[in-house]
Amino acid sequence: MKVNLAEKLAKISTHWDPHVAAELNGQCVKLAKLHGAFIWHKHDDEDELFLVVKGSLRMAFRDREEVINEGEFIVVPKGVEHKPIADKEVEVMLFEPKETLNTGDQDHALTKKQLKHI
């Protein structure tokens, strides 16, 4: 299955709303557009990979902040509290287990329990 990231991301018009672009071995490749600050949360059982396709993302941790630029990725280990921040719109690809909720251990208005497939 061949996927063109730019074409798929062009179909997304909302922020903090991950869409499934592909599934493999119980994992999902998700695409999302981010803008503004998300909420503090953690994933008790899953690591999370954020690949910045376009723009620049700040990942806040309780003890530091990392800047992830276009073409770079960060792996947030399971159990680590984090808060993604996008000062300008950022396009990202996420790689994580299928059951991973975007808000992790937090039940919030931004929680997406049913993801759209693109």
PDB file of N, CA and C in Angstrom:
ATOM      1  N   MET A   1       0.847  -1.182   0.000  1.00  0.00           N
ATOM      2  CA  MET A   1       0.000   0.000   0.000  1.00  0.00           C
ATOM      3  C   MET A   1       0.890   1.241   0.000  1.00  0.00           C
ATOM      4  N   LYS A   2       0.761   2.045  -1.007  1.00  0.00           N
ATOM      5  CA  LYS A   2       1.527   3.278  -1.135  1.00  0.00           C
ATOM      6  C   LYS A   2       0.687   4.439  -0.605  1.00  0.00           C
ATOM      7  N   VAL A   3       1.305   5.293   0.212  1.00  0.00           N
ATOM      8  CA  VAL A   3       0.598   6.436   0.792  1.00  0.00           C
ATOM      9  C   VAL A   3       1.377   7.705   0.499  1.00  0.00           C
ATOM     10  N   ASN A   4       0.692   8.712  -0.017  1.00  0.00           N
ATOM     11  CA  ASN A   4       1.282  10.023  -0.230  1.00  0.00           C
ATOM     12  C   ASN A   4       0.884  10.897   0.958  1.00  0.00           C
ATOM     13  N   LEU A   5       1.844  11.235   1.793  1.00  0.00           N
ATOM     14  CA  LEU A   5       1.551  11.987   3.018  1.00  0.00           C
ATOM     15  C   LEU A   5       0.899  13.341   2.734  1.00  0.00           C
ATOM     16  N   ALA A   6       1.393  14.063   1.749  1.00  0.00           N
ATOM     17  CA  ALA A   6       0.841  15.385   1.440  1.00  0.00           C
ATOM     18  C   ALA A   6      -0.627  15.281   1.031  1.00  0.00           C
ATOM     19  N   GLU A   7      -0.953  14.291   0.214  1.00  0.00           N
ATOM     20  CA  GLU A   7      -2.350  14.113  -0.213  1.00  0.00           C
ATOM     21  C   GLU A   7      -3.249  13.767   0.964  1.00  0.00           C
ATOM     22  N   LYS A   8      -2.798  12.878   1.819  1.00  0.00           N
ATOM     23  CA  LYS A   8      -3.603  12.482   2.978  1.00  0.00           C
ATOM     24  C   LYS A   8      -3.756  13.645   3.959  1.00  0.00           C
ATOM     25  N   LEU A   9      -2.674  14.349   4.230  1.00  0.00           N
ATOM     26  CA  LEU A   9      -2.743  15.474   5.171  1.00  0.00           C
ATOM     27  C   LEU A   9      -3.623  16.607   4.645  1.00  0.00           C
ATOM     28  N   ALA A  10      -3.694  16.765   3.321  1.00  0.00           N
ATOM     29  CA  ALA A  10      -4.547  17.796   2.727  1.00  0.00           C
ATOM     30  C   ALA A  10      -6.023  17.532   3.011  1.00  0.00           C
ATOM     31  N   LYS A  11      -6.380  16.285   3.314  1.00  0.00           N
ATOM     32  CA  LYS A  11      -7.768  15.931   3.614  1.00  0.00           C
ATOM     33  C   LYS A  11      -8.157  16.235   5.061  1.00  0.00           C
ATOM     34  N   ILE A  12      -7.193  16.586   5.885  1.00  0.00           N
ATOM     35  CA  ILE A  12      -7.460  16.868   7.291  1.00  0.00           C
ATOM     36  C   ILE A  12      -7.606  18.376   7.483  1.00  0.00           C
ATOM     37  N   SER A  13      -8.732  18.800   8.028  1.00  0.00           N
ATOM     38  CA  SER A  13      -8.973  20.237   8.220  1.00  0.00           C
ATOM     39  C   SER A  13      -9.090  20.625   9.688  1.00  0.00           C
ATOM     40  N   THR A  14      -8.997  19.647  10.581  1.00  0.00           N
ATOM     41  CA  THR A  14      -9.140  19.917  12.009  1.00  0.00           C
ATOM     42  C   THR A  14      -7.802  19.713  12.718  1.00  0.00           C
ATOM     43  N   HIS A  15      -7.697  20.273  13.911  1.00  0.00           N
ATOM     44  CA  HIS A  15      -6.488  20.118  14.711  1.00  0.00           C
ATOM     45  C   HIS A  15      -6.739  19.137  15.848  1.00  0.00           C
ATOM     46  N   TRP A  16      -5.680  18.452  16.244  1.00  0.00           N
ATOM     47  CA  TRP A  16      -5.726  17.476  17.356  1.00  0.00           C
ATOM     48  C   TRP A  16      -6.742  16.372  17.097  1.00  0.00           C
ATOM     49  N   ASP A  17      -6.867  15.978  15.836  1.00  0.00           N
ATOM     50  CA  ASP A  17      -7.849  14.976  15.409  1.00  0.00           C
ATOM     51  C   ASP A  17      -7.139  13.941  14.537  1.00  0.00           C
ATOM     52  N   PRO A  18      -6.445  12.964  15.150  1.00  0.00           N
ATOM     53  CA  PRO A  18      -5.681  12.003  14.355  1.00  0.00           C
ATOM     54  C   PRO A  18      -6.561  11.153  13.439  1.00  0.00           C
ATOM     55  N   HIS A  19      -6.058  10.904  12.242  1.00  0.00           N
ATOM     56  CA  HIS A  19      -6.720  10.049  11.263  1.00  0.00           C
ATOM     57  C   HIS A  19      -5.808   8.860  10.960  1.00  0.00           C
ATOM     58  N   VAL A  20      -6.388   7.702  10.758  1.00  0.00           N
ATOM     59  CA  VAL A  20      -5.612   6.504  10.466  1.00  0.00           C
ATOM     60  C   VAL A  20      -5.312   6.442   8.970  1.00  0.00           C
ATOM     61  N   ALA A  21      -4.015   6.397   8.641  1.00  0.00           N
ATOM     62  CA  ALA A  21      -3.598   6.284   7.242  1.00  0.00           C
ATOM     63  C   ALA A  21      -3.281   4.843   6.873  1.00  0.00           C
ATOM     64  N   ALA A  22      -2.901   4.035   7.868  1.00  0.00           N
ATOM     65  CA  ALA A  22      -2.578   2.625   7.621  1.00  0.00           C
ATOM     66  C   ALA A  22      -2.527   1.878   8.951  1.00  0.00           C
ATOM     67  N   GLU A  23      -2.678   0.558   8.849  1.00  0.00           N
ATOM     68  CA  GLU A  23      -2.551  -0.314  10.018  1.00  0.00           C
ATOM     69  C   GLU A  23      -1.621  -1.462   9.662  1.00  0.00           C
ATOM     70  N   LEU A  24      -0.786  -1.861  10.636  1.00  0.00           N
ATOM     71  CA  LEU A  24       0.100  -2.991  10.433  1.00  0.00           C
ATOM     72  C   LEU A  24       0.482  -3.604  11.768  1.00  0.00           C
ATOM     73  N   ASN A  25       0.340  -4.912  11.866  1.00  0.00           N
ATOM     74  CA  ASN A  25       0.764  -5.654  13.051  1.00  0.00           C
ATOM     75  C   ASN A  25       0.241  -5.073  14.366  1.00  0.00           C
ATOM     76  N   GLY A  26      -1.017  -4.672  14.384  1.00  0.00           N
ATOM     77  CA  GLY A  26      -1.604  -4.121  15.603  1.00  0.00           C
ATOM     78  C   GLY A  26      -1.212  -2.684  15.887  1.00  0.00           C
ATOM     79  N   GLN A  27      -0.496  -2.074  14.952  1.00  0.00           N
ATOM     80  CA  GLN A  27      -0.065  -0.678  15.081  1.00  0.00           C
ATOM     81  C   GLN A  27      -0.823   0.186  14.083  1.00  0.00           C
ATOM     82  N   CYS A  28      -0.904   1.462  14.383  1.00  0.00           N
ATOM     83  CA  CYS A  28      -1.519   2.410  13.450  1.00  0.00           C
ATOM     84  C   CYS A  28      -0.518   3.473  13.050  1.00  0.00           C
ATOM     85  N   VAL A  29      -0.582   3.843  11.790  1.00  0.00           N
ATOM     86  CA  VAL A  29       0.107   5.026  11.295  1.00  0.00           C
ATOM     87  C   VAL A  29      -0.981   6.086  11.215  1.00  0.00           C
ATOM     88  N   LYS A  30      -0.833   7.115  12.040  1.00  0.00           N
ATOM     89  CA  LYS A  30      -1.851   8.169  12.123  1.00  0.00           C
ATOM     90  C   LYS A  30      -1.264   9.475  11.628  1.00  0.00           C
ATOM     91  N   LEU A  31      -2.106  10.272  11.006  1.00  0.00           N
ATOM     92  CA  LEU A  31      -1.709  11.598  10.540  1.00  0.00           C
ATOM     93  C   LEU A  31      -2.574  12.622  11.248  1.00  0.00           C
ATOM     94  N   ALA A  32      -1.965  13.758  11.584  1.00  0.00           N
ATOM     95  CA  ALA A  32      -2.720  14.804  12.279  1.00  0.00           C
ATOM     96  C   ALA A  32      -2.099  16.164  12.010  1.00  0.00           C
ATOM     97  N   LYS A  33      -2.937  17.165  12.169  1.00  0.00           N
ATOM     98  CA  LYS A  33      -2.485  18.552  12.160  1.00  0.00           C
ATOM     99  C   LYS A  33      -2.670  19.073  13.581  1.00  0.00           C
ATOM    100  N   LEU A  34      -1.655  19.765  14.054  1.00  0.00           N
ATOM    101  CA  LEU A  34      -1.669  20.271  15.418  1.00  0.00           C
ATOM    102  C   LEU A  34      -1.495  21.779  15.393  1.00  0.00           C
ATOM    103  N   HIS A  35      -2.176  22.453  16.317  1.00  0.00           N
ATOM    104  CA  HIS A  35      -1.992  23.897  16.479  1.00  0.00           C
ATOM    105  C   HIS A  35      -2.402  24.274  17.877  1.00  0.00           C
ATOM    106  N   GLY A  36      -1.542  25.014  18.559  1.00  0.00           N
ATOM    107  CA  GLY A  36      -1.802  25.395  19.939  1.00  0.00           C
ATOM    108  C   GLY A  36      -1.196  24.367  20.887  1.00  0.00           C
ATOM    109  N   ALA A  37      -1.641  24.417  22.131  1.00  0.00           N
ATOM    110  CA  ALA A  37      -1.128  23.498  23.150  1.00  0.00           C
ATOM    111  C   ALA A  37      -2.146  22.401  23.420  1.00  0.00           C
ATOM    112  N   PHE A  38      -1.665  21.181  23.562  1.00  0.00           N
ATOM    113  CA  PHE A  38      -2.501  20.040  23.914  1.00  0.00           C
ATOM    114  C   PHE A  38      -2.559  19.959  25.437  1.00  0.00           C
ATOM    115  N   ILE A  39      -2.995  18.846  25.978  1.00  0.00           N
ATOM    116  CA  ILE A  39      -3.090  18.677  27.426  1.00  0.00           C
ATOM    117  C   ILE A  39      -1.946  17.785  27.926  1.00  0.00           C
ATOM    118  N   TRP A  40      -1.618  17.928  29.195  1.00  0.00           N
ATOM    119  CA  TRP A  40      -0.680  17.017  29.831  1.00  0.00           C
ATOM    120  C   TRP A  40      -1.321  15.647  29.905  1.00  0.00           C
ATOM    121  N   HIS A  41      -0.609  14.611  29.502  1.00  0.00           N
ATOM    122  CA  HIS A  41      -1.124  13.253  29.575  1.00  0.00           C
ATOM    123  C   HIS A  41       0.024  12.261  29.466  1.00  0.00           C
ATOM    124  N   LYS A  42      -0.295  10.992  29.700  1.00  0.00           N
ATOM    125  CA  LYS A  42       0.688   9.929  29.523  1.00  0.00           C
ATOM    126  C   LYS A  42      -0.035   8.679  29.040  1.00  0.00           C
ATOM    127  N   HIS A  43       0.728   7.775  28.506  1.00  0.00           N
ATOM    128  CA  HIS A  43       0.214   6.487  28.042  1.00  0.00           C
ATOM    129  C   HIS A  43       0.903   5.424  28.887  1.00  0.00           C
ATOM    130  N   ASP A  44       0.147   4.774  29.737  1.00  0.00           N
ATOM    131  CA  ASP A  44       0.730   3.824  30.686  1.00  0.00           C
ATOM    132  C   ASP A  44       1.348   2.603  30.031  1.00  0.00           C
ATOM    133  N   ASP A  45       0.808   2.170  28.884  1.00  0.00           N
ATOM    134  CA  ASP A  45       1.245   0.905  28.289  1.00  0.00           C
ATOM    135  C   ASP A  45       1.840   1.023  26.898  1.00  0.00           C
ATOM    136  N   GLU A  46       1.887   2.220  26.330  1.00  0.00           N
ATOM    137  CA  GLU A  46       2.343   2.350  24.943  1.00  0.00           C
ATOM    138  C   GLU A  46       3.379   3.468  24.793  1.00  0.00           C
ATOM    139  N   ASP A  47       4.398   3.189  23.976  1.00  0.00           N
ATOM    140  CA  ASP A  47       5.298   4.243  23.517  1.00  0.00           C
ATOM    141  C   ASP A  47       4.589   4.954  22.371  1.00  0.00           C
ATOM    142  N   GLU A  48       5.013   6.177  22.100  1.00  0.00           N
ATOM    143  CA  GLU A  48       4.399   6.973  21.038  1.00  0.00           C
ATOM    144  C   GLU A  48       5.501   7.616  20.202  1.00  0.00           C
ATOM    145  N   LEU A  49       5.378   7.527  18.876  1.00  0.00           N
ATOM    146  CA  LEU A  49       6.345   8.157  17.989  1.00  0.00           C
ATOM    147  C   LEU A  49       5.673   9.311  17.257  1.00  0.00           C
ATOM    148  N   PHE A  50       6.292  10.486  17.306  1.00  0.00           N
ATOM    149  CA  PHE A  50       5.835  11.677  16.581  1.00  0.00           C
ATOM    150  C   PHE A  50       6.894  12.014  15.537  1.00  0.00           C
ATOM    151  N   LEU A  51       6.535  11.948  14.252  1.00  0.00           N
ATOM    152  CA  LEU A  51       7.405  12.362  13.159  1.00  0.00           C
ATOM    153  C   LEU A  51       6.842  13.657  12.595  1.00  0.00           C
ATOM    154  N   VAL A  52       7.640  14.714  12.607  1.00  0.00           N
ATOM    155  CA  VAL A  52       7.184  15.996  12.076  1.00  0.00           C
ATOM    156  C   VAL A  52       7.371  15.989  10.558  1.00  0.00           C
ATOM    157  N   VAL A  53       6.253  16.051   9.846  1.00  0.00           N
ATOM    158  CA  VAL A  53       6.257  16.072   8.391  1.00  0.00           C
ATOM    159  C   VAL A  53       6.435  17.502   7.893  1.00  0.00           C
ATOM    160  N   LYS A  54       5.781  18.450   8.572  1.00  0.00           N
ATOM    161  CA  LYS A  54       5.869  19.852   8.176  1.00  0.00           C
ATOM    162  C   LYS A  54       5.746  20.722   9.420  1.00  0.00           C
ATOM    163  N   GLY A  55       6.651  21.674   9.554  1.00  0.00           N
ATOM    164  CA  GLY A  55       6.607  22.596  10.678  1.00  0.00           C
ATOM    165  C   GLY A  55       7.572  22.200  11.786  1.00  0.00           C
ATOM    166  N   SER A  56       7.258  22.669  12.984  1.00  0.00           N
ATOM    167  CA  SER A  56       8.105  22.432  14.145  1.00  0.00           C
ATOM    168  C   SER A  56       7.213  22.221  15.364  1.00  0.00           C
ATOM    169  N   LEU A  57       7.520  21.213  16.151  1.00  0.00           N
ATOM    170  CA  LEU A  57       6.717  20.841  17.307  1.00  0.00           C
ATOM    171  C   LEU A  57       7.566  20.946  18.563  1.00  0.00           C
ATOM    172  N   ARG A  58       6.972  21.493  19.626  1.00  0.00           N
ATOM    173  CA  ARG A  58       7.632  21.474  20.925  1.00  0.00           C
ATOM    174  C   ARG A  58       6.971  20.378  21.757  1.00  0.00           C
ATOM    175  N   MET A  59       7.781  19.530  22.361  1.00  0.00           N
ATOM    176  CA  MET A  59       7.262  18.487  23.241  1.00  0.00           C
ATOM    177  C   MET A  59       7.713  18.827  24.650  1.00  0.00           C
ATOM    178  N   ALA A  60       6.747  19.186  25.477  1.00  0.00           N
ATOM    179  CA  ALA A  60       7.053  19.527  26.862  1.00  0.00           C
ATOM    180  C   ALA A  60       7.000  18.269  27.715  1.00  0.00           C
ATOM    181  N   PHE A  61       7.993  18.140  28.557  1.00  0.00           N
ATOM    182  CA  PHE A  61       8.036  17.110  29.579  1.00  0.00           C
ATOM    183  C   PHE A  61       8.098  17.855  30.911  1.00  0.00           C
ATOM    184  N   ARG A  62       7.858  17.200  31.999  1.00  0.00           N
ATOM    185  CA  ARG A  62       7.846  17.878  33.296  1.00  0.00           C
ATOM    186  C   ARG A  62       9.198  18.477  33.649  1.00  0.00           C
ATOM    187  N   ASP A  63      10.289  17.934  33.093  1.00  0.00           N
ATOM    188  CA  ASP A  63      11.621  18.416  33.451  1.00  0.00           C
ATOM    189  C   ASP A  63      12.379  19.102  32.315  1.00  0.00           C
ATOM    190  N   ARG A  64      11.773  19.158  31.115  1.00  0.00           N
ATOM    191  CA  ARG A  64      12.472  19.760  29.976  1.00  0.00           C
ATOM    192  C   ARG A  64      11.506  19.925  28.808  1.00  0.00           C
ATOM    193  N   GLU A  65      12.034  20.506  27.743  1.00  0.00           N
ATOM    194  CA  GLU A  65      11.268  20.643  26.505  1.00  0.00           C
ATOM    195  C   GLU A  65      12.181  20.299  25.342  1.00  0.00           C
ATOM    196  N   GLU A  66      11.645  19.568  24.371  1.00  0.00           N
ATOM    197  CA  GLU A  66      12.389  19.206  23.166  1.00  0.00           C
ATOM    198  C   GLU A  66      11.709  19.864  21.967  1.00  0.00           C
ATOM    199  N   VAL A  67      12.496  20.321  21.011  1.00  0.00           N
ATOM    200  CA  VAL A  67      11.965  20.856  19.763  1.00  0.00           C
ATOM    201  C   VAL A  67      12.214  19.811  18.686  1.00  0.00           C
ATOM    202  N   ILE A  68      11.131  19.436  18.001  1.00  0.00           N
ATOM    203  CA  ILE A  68      11.225  18.450  16.929  1.00  0.00           C
ATOM    204  C   ILE A  68      10.928  19.183  15.629  1.00  0.00           C
ATOM    205  N   ASN A  69      11.910  19.255  14.771  1.00  0.00           N
ATOM    206  CA  ASN A  69      11.772  19.988  13.513  1.00  0.00           C
ATOM    207  C   ASN A  69      11.367  19.056  12.379  1.00  0.00           C
ATOM    208  N   GLU A  70      11.002  19.665  11.273  1.00  0.00           N
ATOM    209  CA  GLU A  70      10.604  18.917  10.079  1.00  0.00           C
ATOM    210  C   GLU A  70      11.648  17.863   9.737  1.00  0.00           C
ATOM    211  N   GLY A  71      11.173  16.637   9.517  1.00  0.00           N
ATOM    212  CA  GLY A  71      12.071  15.544   9.179  1.00  0.00           C
ATOM    213  C   GLY A  71      12.661  14.834  10.390  1.00  0.00           C
ATOM    214  N   GLU A  72      12.304  15.264  11.598  1.00  0.00           N
ATOM    215  CA  GLU A  72      12.778  14.640  12.822  1.00  0.00           C
ATOM    216  C   GLU A  72      11.620  13.952  13.536  1.00  0.00           C
ATOM    217  N   PHE A  73      11.957  13.002  14.410  1.00  0.00           N
ATOM    218  CA  PHE A  73      10.918  12.390  15.222  1.00  0.00           C
ATOM    219  C   PHE A  73      11.389  12.232  16.659  1.00  0.00           C
ATOM    220  N   ILE A  74      10.417  12.024  17.532  1.00  0.00           N
ATOM    221  CA  ILE A  74      10.693  11.775  18.937  1.00  0.00           C
ATOM    222  C   ILE A  74       9.839  10.599  19.376  1.00  0.00           C
ATOM    223  N   VAL A  75      10.413   9.768  20.235  1.00  0.00           N
ATOM    224  CA  VAL A  75       9.668   8.674  20.836  1.00  0.00           C
ATOM    225  C   VAL A  75       9.426   9.048  22.289  1.00  0.00           C
ATOM    226  N   VAL A  76       8.159   9.095  22.661  1.00  0.00           N
ATOM    227  CA  VAL A  76       7.787   9.356  24.048  1.00  0.00           C
ATOM    228  C   VAL A  76       7.558   7.989  24.695  1.00  0.00           C
ATOM    229  N   PRO A  77       8.402   7.628  25.671  1.00  0.00           N
ATOM    230  CA  PRO A  77       8.249   6.315  26.308  1.00  0.00           C
ATOM    231  C   PRO A  77       6.956   6.205  27.112  1.00  0.00           C
ATOM    232  N   LYS A  78       6.452   4.995  27.201  1.00  0.00           N
ATOM    233  CA  LYS A  78       5.241   4.767  27.991  1.00  0.00           C
ATOM    234  C   LYS A  78       5.468   5.263  29.423  1.00  0.00           C
ATOM    235  N   GLY A  79       4.385   5.802  29.988  1.00  0.00           N
ATOM    236  CA  GLY A  79       4.426   6.282  31.364  1.00  0.00           C
ATOM    237  C   GLY A  79       5.001   7.668  31.557  1.00  0.00           C
ATOM    238  N   VAL A  80       5.487   8.304  30.498  1.00  0.00           N
ATOM    239  CA  VAL A  80       6.102   9.635  30.617  1.00  0.00           C
ATOM    240  C   VAL A  80       5.075  10.711  30.273  1.00  0.00           C
ATOM    241  N   GLU A  81       4.835  11.629  31.226  1.00  0.00           N
ATOM    242  CA  GLU A  81       3.911  12.737  30.966  1.00  0.00           C
ATOM    243  C   GLU A  81       4.508  13.659  29.918  1.00  0.00           C
ATOM    244  N   HIS A  82       3.643  14.088  28.996  1.00  0.00           N
ATOM    245  CA  HIS A  82       4.095  14.978  27.937  1.00  0.00           C
ATOM    246  C   HIS A  82       2.936  15.872  27.481  1.00  0.00           C
ATOM    247  N   LYS A  83       3.323  16.950  26.807  1.00  0.00           N
ATOM    248  CA  LYS A  83       2.345  17.916  26.303  1.00  0.00           C
ATOM    249  C   LYS A  83       2.876  18.482  24.986  1.00  0.00           C
ATOM    250  N   PRO A  84       2.302  18.055  23.853  1.00  0.00           N
ATOM    251  CA  PRO A  84       2.716  18.622  22.567  1.00  0.00           C
ATOM    252  C   PRO A  84       2.224  20.072  22.434  1.00  0.00           C
ATOM    253  N   ILE A  85       3.083  20.904  21.863  1.00  0.00           N
ATOM    254  CA  ILE A  85       2.750  22.321  21.650  1.00  0.00           C
ATOM    255  C   ILE A  85       3.163  22.705  20.237  1.00  0.00           C
ATOM    256  N   ALA A  86       2.217  23.273  19.492  1.00  0.00           N
ATOM    257  CA  ALA A  86       2.489  23.719  18.123  1.00  0.00           C
ATOM    258  C   ALA A  86       2.198  25.216  18.046  1.00  0.00           C
ATOM    259  N   ASP A  87       3.248  26.021  18.021  1.00  0.00           N
ATOM    260  CA  ASP A  87       3.061  27.474  17.966  1.00  0.00           C
ATOM    261  C   ASP A  87       2.426  27.905  16.651  1.00  0.00           C
ATOM    262  N   LYS A  88       2.745  27.192  15.581  1.00  0.00           N
ATOM    263  CA  LYS A  88       2.117  27.354  14.269  1.00  0.00           C
ATOM    264  C   LYS A  88       1.654  25.964  13.866  1.00  0.00           C
ATOM    265  N   GLU A  89       0.786  25.868  12.870  1.00  0.00           N
ATOM    266  CA  GLU A  89       0.293  24.556  12.462  1.00  0.00           C
ATOM    267  C   GLU A  89       1.444  23.615  12.100  1.00  0.00           C
ATOM    268  N   VAL A  90       1.341  22.396  12.613  1.00  0.00           N
ATOM    269  CA  VAL A  90       2.335  21.349  12.377  1.00  0.00           C
ATOM    270  C   VAL A  90       1.613  20.134  11.830  1.00  0.00           C
ATOM    271  N   GLU A  91       2.235  19.459  10.873  1.00  0.00           N
ATOM    272  CA  GLU A  91       1.713  18.200  10.349  1.00  0.00           C
ATOM    273  C   GLU A  91       2.597  17.086  10.874  1.00  0.00           C
ATOM    274  N   VAL A  92       1.971  16.065  11.479  1.00  0.00           N
ATOM    275  CA  VAL A  92       2.734  14.977  12.073  1.00  0.00           C
ATOM    276  C   VAL A  92       2.213  13.617  11.634  1.00  0.00           C
ATOM    277  N   MET A  93       3.109  12.644  11.704  1.00  0.00           N
ATOM    278  CA  MET A  93       2.744  11.248  11.544  1.00  0.00           C
ATOM    279  C   MET A  93       3.027  10.594  12.890  1.00  0.00           C
ATOM    280  N   LEU A  94       2.069   9.826  13.374  1.00  0.00           N
ATOM    281  CA  LEU A  94       2.201   9.122  14.642  1.00  0.00           C
ATOM    282  C   LEU A  94       2.246   7.629  14.371  1.00  0.00           C
ATOM    283  N   PHE A  95       3.056   6.931  15.128  1.00  0.00           N
ATOM    284  CA  PHE A  95       3.106   5.481  15.029  1.00  0.00           C
ATOM    285  C   PHE A  95       2.933   4.943  16.427  1.00  0.00           C
ATOM    286  N   GLU A  96       1.846   4.203  16.633  1.00  0.00           N
ATOM    287  CA  GLU A  96       1.519   3.727  17.974  1.00  0.00           C
ATOM    288  C   GLU A  96       0.536   2.561  17.891  1.00  0.00           C
ATOM    289  N   PRO A  97       0.389   1.811  18.989  1.00  0.00           N
ATOM    290  CA  PRO A  97      -0.571   0.717  18.987  1.00  0.00           C
ATOM    291  C   PRO A  97      -1.989   1.213  18.673  1.00  0.00           C
ATOM    292  N   LYS A  98      -2.751   0.356  18.039  1.00  0.00           N
ATOM    293  CA  LYS A  98      -4.098   0.689  17.589  1.00  0.00           C
ATOM    294  C   LYS A  98      -4.980   1.238  18.708  1.00  0.00           C
ATOM    295  N   GLU A  99      -4.855   0.683  19.906  1.00  0.00           N
ATOM    296  CA  GLU A  99      -5.741   1.067  21.010  1.00  0.00           C
ATOM    297  C   GLU A  99      -5.330   2.359  21.718  1.00  0.00           C
ATOM    298  N   THR A 100      -4.229   2.982  21.320  1.00  0.00           N
ATOM    299  CA  THR A 100      -3.750   4.183  21.983  1.00  0.00           C
ATOM    300  C   THR A 100      -4.708   5.353  21.766  1.00  0.00           C
ATOM    301  N   LEU A 101      -5.166   5.945  22.874  1.00  0.00           N
ATOM    302  CA  LEU A 101      -6.002   7.144  22.807  1.00  0.00           C
ATOM    303  C   LEU A 101      -5.110   8.373  22.752  1.00  0.00           C
ATOM    304  N   ASN A 102      -5.511   9.362  21.993  1.00  0.00           N
ATOM    305  CA  ASN A 102      -4.687  10.564  21.839  1.00  0.00           C
ATOM    306  C   ASN A 102      -4.475  11.312  23.154  1.00  0.00           C
ATOM    307  N   THR A 103      -5.407  11.199  24.095  1.00  0.00           N
ATOM    308  CA  THR A 103      -5.268  11.888  25.380  1.00  0.00           C
ATOM    309  C   THR A 103      -4.797  10.943  26.484  1.00  0.00           C
ATOM    310  N   GLY A 104      -4.389   9.739  26.112  1.00  0.00           N
ATOM    311  CA  GLY A 104      -3.808   8.811  27.071  1.00  0.00           C
ATOM    312  C   GLY A 104      -4.677   8.547  28.280  1.00  0.00           C
ATOM    313  N   ASP A 105      -4.149   8.893  29.457  1.00  0.00           N
ATOM    314  CA  ASP A 105      -4.827   8.621  30.724  1.00  0.00           C
ATOM    315  C   ASP A 105      -5.853   9.693  31.098  1.00  0.00           C
ATOM    316  N   GLN A 106      -6.064  10.670  30.250  1.00  0.00           N
ATOM    317  CA  GLN A 106      -6.999  11.760  30.533  1.00  0.00           C
ATOM    318  C   GLN A 106      -8.260  11.634  29.679  1.00  0.00           C
ATOM    319  N   ASP A 107      -9.404  11.737  30.332  1.00  0.00           N
ATOM    320  CA  ASP A 107     -10.675  11.791  29.597  1.00  0.00           C
ATOM    321  C   ASP A 107     -10.986  13.270  29.416  1.00  0.00           C
ATOM    322  N   HIS A 108     -10.965  13.729  28.192  1.00  0.00           N
ATOM    323  CA  HIS A 108     -11.004  15.168  27.913  1.00  0.00           C
ATOM    324  C   HIS A 108     -11.856  15.415  26.675  1.00  0.00           C
ATOM    325  N   ALA A 109     -12.277  16.647  26.495  1.00  0.00           N
ATOM    326  CA  ALA A 109     -13.052  17.014  25.300  1.00  0.00           C
ATOM    327  C   ALA A 109     -12.273  16.722  24.011  1.00  0.00           C
ATOM    328  N   LEU A 110     -10.947  16.697  24.071  1.00  0.00           N
ATOM    329  CA  LEU A 110     -10.125  16.420  22.892  1.00  0.00           C
ATOM    330  C   LEU A 110      -9.924  14.925  22.628  1.00  0.00           C
ATOM    331  N   THR A 111     -10.417  14.065  23.513  1.00  0.00           N
ATOM    332  CA  THR A 111     -10.255  12.619  23.336  1.00  0.00           C
ATOM    333  C   THR A 111     -11.005  12.151  22.097  1.00  0.00           C
ATOM    334  N   LYS A 112     -10.306  11.411  21.260  1.00  0.00           N
ATOM    335  CA  LYS A 112     -10.895  10.843  20.040  1.00  0.00           C
ATOM    336  C   LYS A 112     -10.914   9.331  20.187  1.00  0.00           C
ATOM    337  N   LYS A 113     -12.106   8.772  20.441  1.00  0.00           N
ATOM    338  CA  LYS A 113     -12.210   7.327  20.646  1.00  0.00           C
ATOM    339  C   LYS A 113     -12.425   6.571  19.334  1.00  0.00           C
ATOM    340  N   GLN A 114     -13.041   7.194  18.363  1.00  0.00           N
ATOM    341  CA  GLN A 114     -13.269   6.595  17.045  1.00  0.00           C
ATOM    342  C   GLN A 114     -12.528   7.441  16.015  1.00  0.00           C
ATOM    343  N   LEU A 115     -11.478   6.888  15.463  1.00  0.00           N
ATOM    344  CA  LEU A 115     -10.690   7.639  14.496  1.00  0.00           C
ATOM    345  C   LEU A 115     -11.204   7.413  13.079  1.00  0.00           C
ATOM    346  N   LYS A 116     -11.132   8.469  12.302  1.00  0.00           N
ATOM    347  CA  LYS A 116     -11.494   8.383  10.885  1.00  0.00           C
ATOM    348  C   LYS A 116     -10.320   7.787  10.129  1.00  0.00           C
ATOM    349  N   HIS A 117     -10.618   7.030   9.073  1.00  0.00           N
ATOM    350  CA  HIS A 117      -9.593   6.487   8.186  1.00  0.00           C
ATOM    351  C   HIS A 117      -9.541   7.359   6.930  1.00  0.00           C
ATOM    352  N   ILE A 118      -8.331   7.659   6.500  1.00  0.00           N
ATOM    353  CA  ILE A 118      -8.176   8.452   5.264  1.00  0.00           C
ATOM    354  C   ILE A 118      -7.321   7.676   4.285  1.00  0.00           C
TER     355      ILE A 118
END
